[in-house]
């Protein structure tokens, strides 16, 4: 069975840092591009970051560029999102997704709250 499990969310102060992890099982992780999305209440789901199968192709949404870093460790079936200089506007549920046409898998999400 396919599983994507996010972890590392929580409450952090503005300007702080947090690292999210997403660990996959039930499919060949190294064959899938990985992405991080986020969604705040009443807002559209937003692409935060994406990384290719071996980490050679990386992209970020404009709102997080320069502050967030995506990486992956195929030996551990895990993708990471390092978040620095966090702002209240970053508050959302963060989801990881795995994609290899025609397959698409999603995790359950982890809550990130940025507040003083």
N, C-alpha and C. Protein backbone atom coordinates (compact mmCIF):
# COMPACT_ATOMS: atom_id res chain seq x y z
N UNK A 1 0.83 -1.18 0.00
CA UNK A 1 0.00 0.00 0.00
C UNK A 1 0.88 1.25 0.00
N UNK A 2 0.43 2.25 -0.75
CA UNK A 2 1.17 3.48 -0.88
C UNK A 2 0.93 4.36 0.34
N UNK A 3 2.02 4.90 0.89
CA UNK A 3 1.92 5.84 2.00
C UNK A 3 2.92 6.97 1.84
N UNK A 4 2.46 8.19 2.14
CA UNK A 4 3.32 9.36 2.27
C UNK A 4 2.99 9.98 3.62
N UNK A 5 3.97 10.07 4.50
CA UNK A 5 3.74 10.54 5.86
C UNK A 5 4.60 11.75 6.14
N UNK A 6 3.94 12.90 6.33
CA UNK A 6 4.64 14.14 6.66
C UNK A 6 4.87 14.25 8.16
N UNK A 7 5.95 14.91 8.53
CA UNK A 7 6.23 15.18 9.94
C UNK A 7 7.05 16.46 10.05
N UNK A 8 7.15 16.99 11.26
CA UNK A 8 7.97 18.15 11.52
C UNK A 8 7.22 19.46 11.66
N UNK A 9 5.91 19.44 11.46
CA UNK A 9 5.13 20.66 11.62
C UNK A 9 4.98 21.03 13.09
N UNK A 10 4.46 22.23 13.32
CA UNK A 10 4.26 22.70 14.67
C UNK A 10 4.16 24.21 14.72
N UNK A 11 4.30 24.74 15.93
CA UNK A 11 4.22 26.18 16.18
C UNK A 11 5.62 26.77 16.25
N UNK A 12 5.84 27.86 15.52
CA UNK A 12 7.14 28.52 15.50
C UNK A 12 6.92 30.03 15.45
N UNK A 13 7.86 30.78 16.03
CA UNK A 13 7.77 32.24 16.03
C UNK A 13 8.19 32.83 14.69
N UNK A 14 7.67 34.01 14.34
CA UNK A 14 8.14 34.68 13.13
C UNK A 14 9.66 34.83 13.14
N UNK A 15 10.28 34.57 11.99
CA UNK A 15 11.72 34.60 11.89
C UNK A 15 12.39 33.28 12.20
N UNK A 16 11.64 32.33 12.73
CA UNK A 16 12.19 31.04 13.09
C UNK A 16 12.30 30.09 11.92
N UNK A 17 12.74 28.87 12.22
CA UNK A 17 12.96 27.84 11.21
C UNK A 17 12.28 26.54 11.59
N UNK A 18 11.99 25.74 10.58
CA UNK A 18 11.36 24.45 10.77
C UNK A 18 11.77 23.57 9.60
N UNK A 19 11.94 22.27 9.85
CA UNK A 19 12.22 21.33 8.77
C UNK A 19 11.14 20.27 8.71
N UNK A 20 10.48 20.18 7.57
CA UNK A 20 9.47 19.16 7.33
C UNK A 20 10.09 17.96 6.64
N UNK A 21 9.58 16.78 6.95
CA UNK A 21 10.00 15.55 6.30
C UNK A 21 8.77 14.83 5.75
N UNK A 22 8.96 14.11 4.67
CA UNK A 22 7.92 13.26 4.10
C UNK A 22 8.56 11.94 3.71
N UNK A 23 8.14 10.87 4.35
CA UNK A 23 8.70 9.55 4.10
C UNK A 23 7.69 8.70 3.34
N UNK A 24 8.16 8.07 2.27
CA UNK A 24 7.31 7.32 1.35
C UNK A 24 7.53 5.82 1.48
N UNK A 25 6.48 5.06 1.17
CA UNK A 25 6.58 3.61 1.11
C UNK A 25 5.52 3.08 0.15
N UNK A 26 5.73 1.86 -0.34
CA UNK A 26 4.76 1.22 -1.21
C UNK A 26 4.93 1.49 -2.69
N UNK A 27 5.97 2.21 -3.08
CA UNK A 27 6.28 2.46 -4.49
C UNK A 27 7.76 2.78 -4.61
N UNK A 28 8.24 2.83 -5.85
CA UNK A 28 9.66 3.08 -6.08
C UNK A 28 9.92 4.58 -6.03
N UNK A 29 10.32 5.04 -4.86
CA UNK A 29 10.45 6.46 -4.58
C UNK A 29 11.36 7.17 -5.57
N UNK A 30 12.48 6.56 -5.94
CA UNK A 30 13.47 7.21 -6.79
C UNK A 30 12.97 7.47 -8.22
N UNK A 31 11.85 6.88 -8.61
CA UNK A 31 11.27 7.11 -9.94
C UNK A 31 10.27 8.26 -9.98
N UNK A 32 10.01 8.89 -8.83
CA UNK A 32 8.98 9.91 -8.73
C UNK A 32 9.56 11.28 -8.42
N UNK A 33 9.08 12.29 -9.15
CA UNK A 33 9.32 13.66 -8.75
C UNK A 33 8.52 13.95 -7.48
N UNK A 34 9.05 14.80 -6.63
CA UNK A 34 8.40 15.13 -5.36
C UNK A 34 8.11 16.62 -5.28
N UNK A 35 6.99 16.95 -4.64
CA UNK A 35 6.57 18.33 -4.51
C UNK A 35 6.03 18.59 -3.10
N UNK A 36 6.17 19.83 -2.66
CA UNK A 36 5.51 20.32 -1.46
C UNK A 36 4.47 21.36 -1.85
N UNK A 37 3.27 21.21 -1.30
CA UNK A 37 2.18 22.17 -1.45
C UNK A 37 1.76 22.65 -0.07
N UNK A 38 1.05 23.77 -0.05
CA UNK A 38 0.45 24.22 1.19
C UNK A 38 -0.93 24.80 0.91
N UNK A 39 -1.78 24.77 1.93
CA UNK A 39 -3.12 25.31 1.82
C UNK A 39 -3.55 25.91 3.15
N UNK A 40 -3.90 27.19 3.11
CA UNK A 40 -4.44 27.88 4.26
C UNK A 40 -5.97 27.90 4.15
N UNK A 41 -6.69 28.03 5.28
CA UNK A 41 -8.15 28.05 5.23
C UNK A 41 -8.68 29.13 4.29
N UNK A 42 -9.60 28.74 3.42
CA UNK A 42 -10.20 29.67 2.48
C UNK A 42 -9.33 30.05 1.30
N UNK A 43 -8.15 29.46 1.17
CA UNK A 43 -7.23 29.80 0.11
C UNK A 43 -7.03 28.61 -0.84
N UNK A 44 -6.56 28.91 -2.04
CA UNK A 44 -6.22 27.87 -3.00
C UNK A 44 -4.95 27.15 -2.57
N UNK A 45 -4.85 25.89 -2.94
CA UNK A 45 -3.63 25.15 -2.70
C UNK A 45 -2.51 25.72 -3.56
N UNK A 46 -1.35 25.89 -2.96
CA UNK A 46 -0.22 26.58 -3.58
C UNK A 46 0.98 25.66 -3.66
N UNK A 47 1.61 25.61 -4.83
CA UNK A 47 2.86 24.87 -4.98
C UNK A 47 3.99 25.64 -4.32
N UNK A 48 4.69 24.98 -3.41
CA UNK A 48 5.76 25.61 -2.65
C UNK A 48 7.12 25.30 -3.25
N UNK A 49 7.37 24.02 -3.56
CA UNK A 49 8.67 23.59 -4.06
C UNK A 49 8.53 22.26 -4.77
N UNK A 50 9.44 21.99 -5.69
CA UNK A 50 9.44 20.74 -6.44
C UNK A 50 10.87 20.30 -6.69
N UNK A 51 11.05 18.98 -6.79
CA UNK A 51 12.38 18.42 -7.00
C UNK A 51 12.27 17.19 -7.88
N UNK A 52 13.18 17.04 -8.82
CA UNK A 52 13.20 15.91 -9.73
C UNK A 52 13.67 14.63 -9.06
N UNK A 53 13.71 13.56 -9.84
CA UNK A 53 13.92 12.22 -9.28
C UNK A 53 15.26 12.05 -8.58
N UNK A 54 16.30 12.71 -9.07
CA UNK A 54 17.61 12.61 -8.44
C UNK A 54 18.08 13.93 -7.85
N UNK A 55 17.18 14.90 -7.78
CA UNK A 55 17.50 16.17 -7.15
C UNK A 55 18.16 17.19 -8.05
N UNK A 56 18.24 16.92 -9.35
CA UNK A 56 18.92 17.82 -10.27
C UNK A 56 18.06 18.95 -10.82
N UNK A 57 16.76 18.86 -10.65
CA UNK A 57 15.83 19.87 -11.13
C UNK A 57 14.99 20.35 -9.96
N UNK A 58 15.14 21.62 -9.59
CA UNK A 58 14.50 22.19 -8.41
C UNK A 58 13.83 23.50 -8.76
N UNK A 59 12.64 23.71 -8.19
CA UNK A 59 11.95 24.96 -8.38
C UNK A 59 11.18 25.36 -7.14
N UNK A 60 10.92 26.68 -6.98
CA UNK A 60 10.23 27.21 -5.81
C UNK A 60 9.17 28.21 -6.24
N UNK A 61 8.12 28.29 -5.43
CA UNK A 61 7.16 29.36 -5.61
C UNK A 61 7.78 30.70 -5.23
N UNK A 62 7.30 31.76 -5.87
CA UNK A 62 7.88 33.09 -5.65
C UNK A 62 7.80 33.53 -4.19
N UNK A 63 6.76 33.13 -3.49
CA UNK A 63 6.56 33.59 -2.12
C UNK A 63 7.56 32.99 -1.13
N UNK A 64 8.24 31.91 -1.50
CA UNK A 64 9.18 31.26 -0.59
C UNK A 64 10.61 31.26 -1.09
N UNK A 65 10.83 31.74 -2.29
CA UNK A 65 12.16 31.73 -2.90
C UNK A 65 13.15 32.49 -2.03
N UNK A 66 14.28 31.87 -1.77
CA UNK A 66 15.31 32.47 -0.93
C UNK A 66 15.17 32.13 0.53
N UNK A 67 14.05 31.55 0.94
CA UNK A 67 13.82 31.21 2.34
C UNK A 67 13.69 29.71 2.57
N UNK A 68 13.14 28.98 1.59
CA UNK A 68 12.90 27.55 1.73
C UNK A 68 13.86 26.77 0.83
N UNK A 69 14.19 25.54 1.25
CA UNK A 69 15.04 24.66 0.47
C UNK A 69 14.46 23.25 0.46
N UNK A 70 14.27 22.70 -0.73
CA UNK A 70 13.80 21.33 -0.87
C UNK A 70 14.99 20.42 -1.17
N UNK A 71 14.96 19.21 -0.61
CA UNK A 71 16.00 18.23 -0.88
C UNK A 71 15.40 16.84 -0.75
N UNK A 72 16.12 15.82 -1.22
CA UNK A 72 15.63 14.46 -1.09
C UNK A 72 16.78 13.51 -0.83
N UNK A 73 16.47 12.41 -0.16
CA UNK A 73 17.41 11.34 0.10
C UNK A 73 16.75 10.06 -0.36
N UNK A 74 17.10 9.61 -1.56
CA UNK A 74 16.44 8.43 -2.13
C UNK A 74 16.73 7.16 -1.34
N UNK A 75 17.87 7.09 -0.67
CA UNK A 75 18.19 5.93 0.14
C UNK A 75 17.26 5.81 1.34
N UNK A 76 16.70 6.93 1.79
CA UNK A 76 15.79 6.95 2.92
C UNK A 76 14.33 7.13 2.50
N UNK A 77 14.07 7.18 1.20
CA UNK A 77 12.71 7.40 0.68
C UNK A 77 12.07 8.65 1.30
N UNK A 78 12.84 9.71 1.42
CA UNK A 78 12.39 10.89 2.14
C UNK A 78 12.69 12.17 1.37
N UNK A 79 11.72 13.08 1.37
CA UNK A 79 11.91 14.43 0.85
C UNK A 79 11.77 15.41 2.01
N UNK A 80 12.57 16.49 1.99
CA UNK A 80 12.61 17.45 3.08
C UNK A 80 12.25 18.84 2.56
N UNK A 81 11.76 19.67 3.48
CA UNK A 81 11.56 21.08 3.20
C UNK A 81 12.10 21.87 4.38
N UNK A 82 13.25 22.52 4.18
CA UNK A 82 13.83 23.38 5.20
C UNK A 82 13.23 24.77 5.04
N UNK A 83 12.61 25.29 6.09
CA UNK A 83 11.92 26.57 6.05
C UNK A 83 12.60 27.53 7.02
N UNK A 84 13.14 28.61 6.49
CA UNK A 84 13.82 29.63 7.29
C UNK A 84 13.08 30.96 7.17
N UNK A 85 13.37 31.87 8.09
CA UNK A 85 12.79 33.21 8.08
C UNK A 85 11.28 33.16 7.93
N UNK A 86 10.64 32.34 8.74
CA UNK A 86 9.21 32.09 8.60
C UNK A 86 8.39 33.33 8.94
N UNK A 87 7.29 33.47 8.21
CA UNK A 87 6.36 34.59 8.36
C UNK A 87 4.98 34.07 8.72
N UNK A 88 4.14 34.90 9.35
CA UNK A 88 2.77 34.46 9.63
C UNK A 88 2.03 34.00 8.37
N UNK A 89 2.33 34.58 7.22
CA UNK A 89 1.70 34.19 5.97
C UNK A 89 2.05 32.78 5.53
N UNK A 90 3.06 32.18 6.13
CA UNK A 90 3.43 30.79 5.84
C UNK A 90 2.55 29.79 6.57
N UNK A 91 1.70 30.25 7.46
CA UNK A 91 0.81 29.36 8.21
C UNK A 91 -0.13 28.63 7.25
N UNK A 92 -0.12 27.30 7.32
CA UNK A 92 -0.91 26.47 6.40
C UNK A 92 -0.71 25.01 6.77
N UNK A 93 -1.52 24.16 6.15
CA UNK A 93 -1.24 22.73 6.15
C UNK A 93 -0.33 22.44 4.96
N UNK A 94 0.77 21.76 5.22
CA UNK A 94 1.75 21.44 4.19
C UNK A 94 1.62 19.98 3.79
N UNK A 95 1.56 19.73 2.48
CA UNK A 95 1.38 18.40 1.93
C UNK A 95 2.56 18.05 1.02
N UNK A 96 2.98 16.79 1.04
CA UNK A 96 3.90 16.32 0.02
C UNK A 96 3.14 15.49 -1.00
N UNK A 97 3.65 15.50 -2.22
CA UNK A 97 3.05 14.75 -3.32
C UNK A 97 4.14 14.08 -4.13
N UNK A 98 3.85 12.88 -4.62
CA UNK A 98 4.74 12.13 -5.49
C UNK A 98 4.09 12.01 -6.86
N UNK A 99 4.86 12.27 -7.93
CA UNK A 99 4.29 12.23 -9.28
C UNK A 99 5.19 11.49 -10.26
N UNK A 100 4.58 10.56 -10.98
CA UNK A 100 5.18 9.89 -12.12
C UNK A 100 4.03 9.43 -13.00
N UNK A 101 3.78 10.16 -14.08
CA UNK A 101 2.61 9.90 -14.91
C UNK A 101 2.46 8.42 -15.22
N UNK A 102 1.23 7.89 -15.03
CA UNK A 102 -0.01 8.58 -14.66
C UNK A 102 -0.31 8.60 -13.17
N UNK A 103 0.66 8.23 -12.33
CA UNK A 103 0.41 8.09 -10.90
C UNK A 103 0.62 9.40 -10.16
N UNK A 104 -0.19 9.62 -9.13
CA UNK A 104 -0.09 10.78 -8.27
C UNK A 104 -0.51 10.37 -6.87
N UNK A 105 0.37 10.57 -5.89
CA UNK A 105 0.10 10.20 -4.51
C UNK A 105 0.25 11.41 -3.61
N UNK A 106 -0.57 11.46 -2.57
CA UNK A 106 -0.59 12.59 -1.62
C UNK A 106 -0.51 12.11 -0.19
N UNK A 107 0.17 12.88 0.65
CA UNK A 107 0.16 12.64 2.07
C UNK A 107 -1.02 13.31 2.75
N UNK A 108 -1.13 13.12 4.06
CA UNK A 108 -2.24 13.66 4.84
C UNK A 108 -2.02 15.10 5.27
N UNK A 109 -0.79 15.57 5.25
CA UNK A 109 -0.49 16.94 5.59
C UNK A 109 -0.01 17.11 7.03
N UNK A 110 0.71 18.20 7.26
CA UNK A 110 1.17 18.56 8.60
C UNK A 110 0.98 20.06 8.79
N UNK A 111 0.47 20.44 9.96
CA UNK A 111 0.14 21.84 10.24
C UNK A 111 1.39 22.62 10.62
N UNK A 112 1.58 23.78 9.98
CA UNK A 112 2.62 24.73 10.35
C UNK A 112 1.94 26.03 10.75
N UNK A 113 2.22 26.50 11.96
CA UNK A 113 1.66 27.75 12.46
C UNK A 113 2.79 28.68 12.85
N UNK A 114 2.82 29.87 12.26
CA UNK A 114 3.84 30.87 12.54
C UNK A 114 3.17 32.02 13.28
N UNK A 115 3.48 32.16 14.56
CA UNK A 115 2.81 33.13 15.40
C UNK A 115 3.67 33.45 16.61
N UNK A 116 3.56 34.68 17.09
CA UNK A 116 4.25 35.08 18.31
C UNK A 116 3.39 34.84 19.54
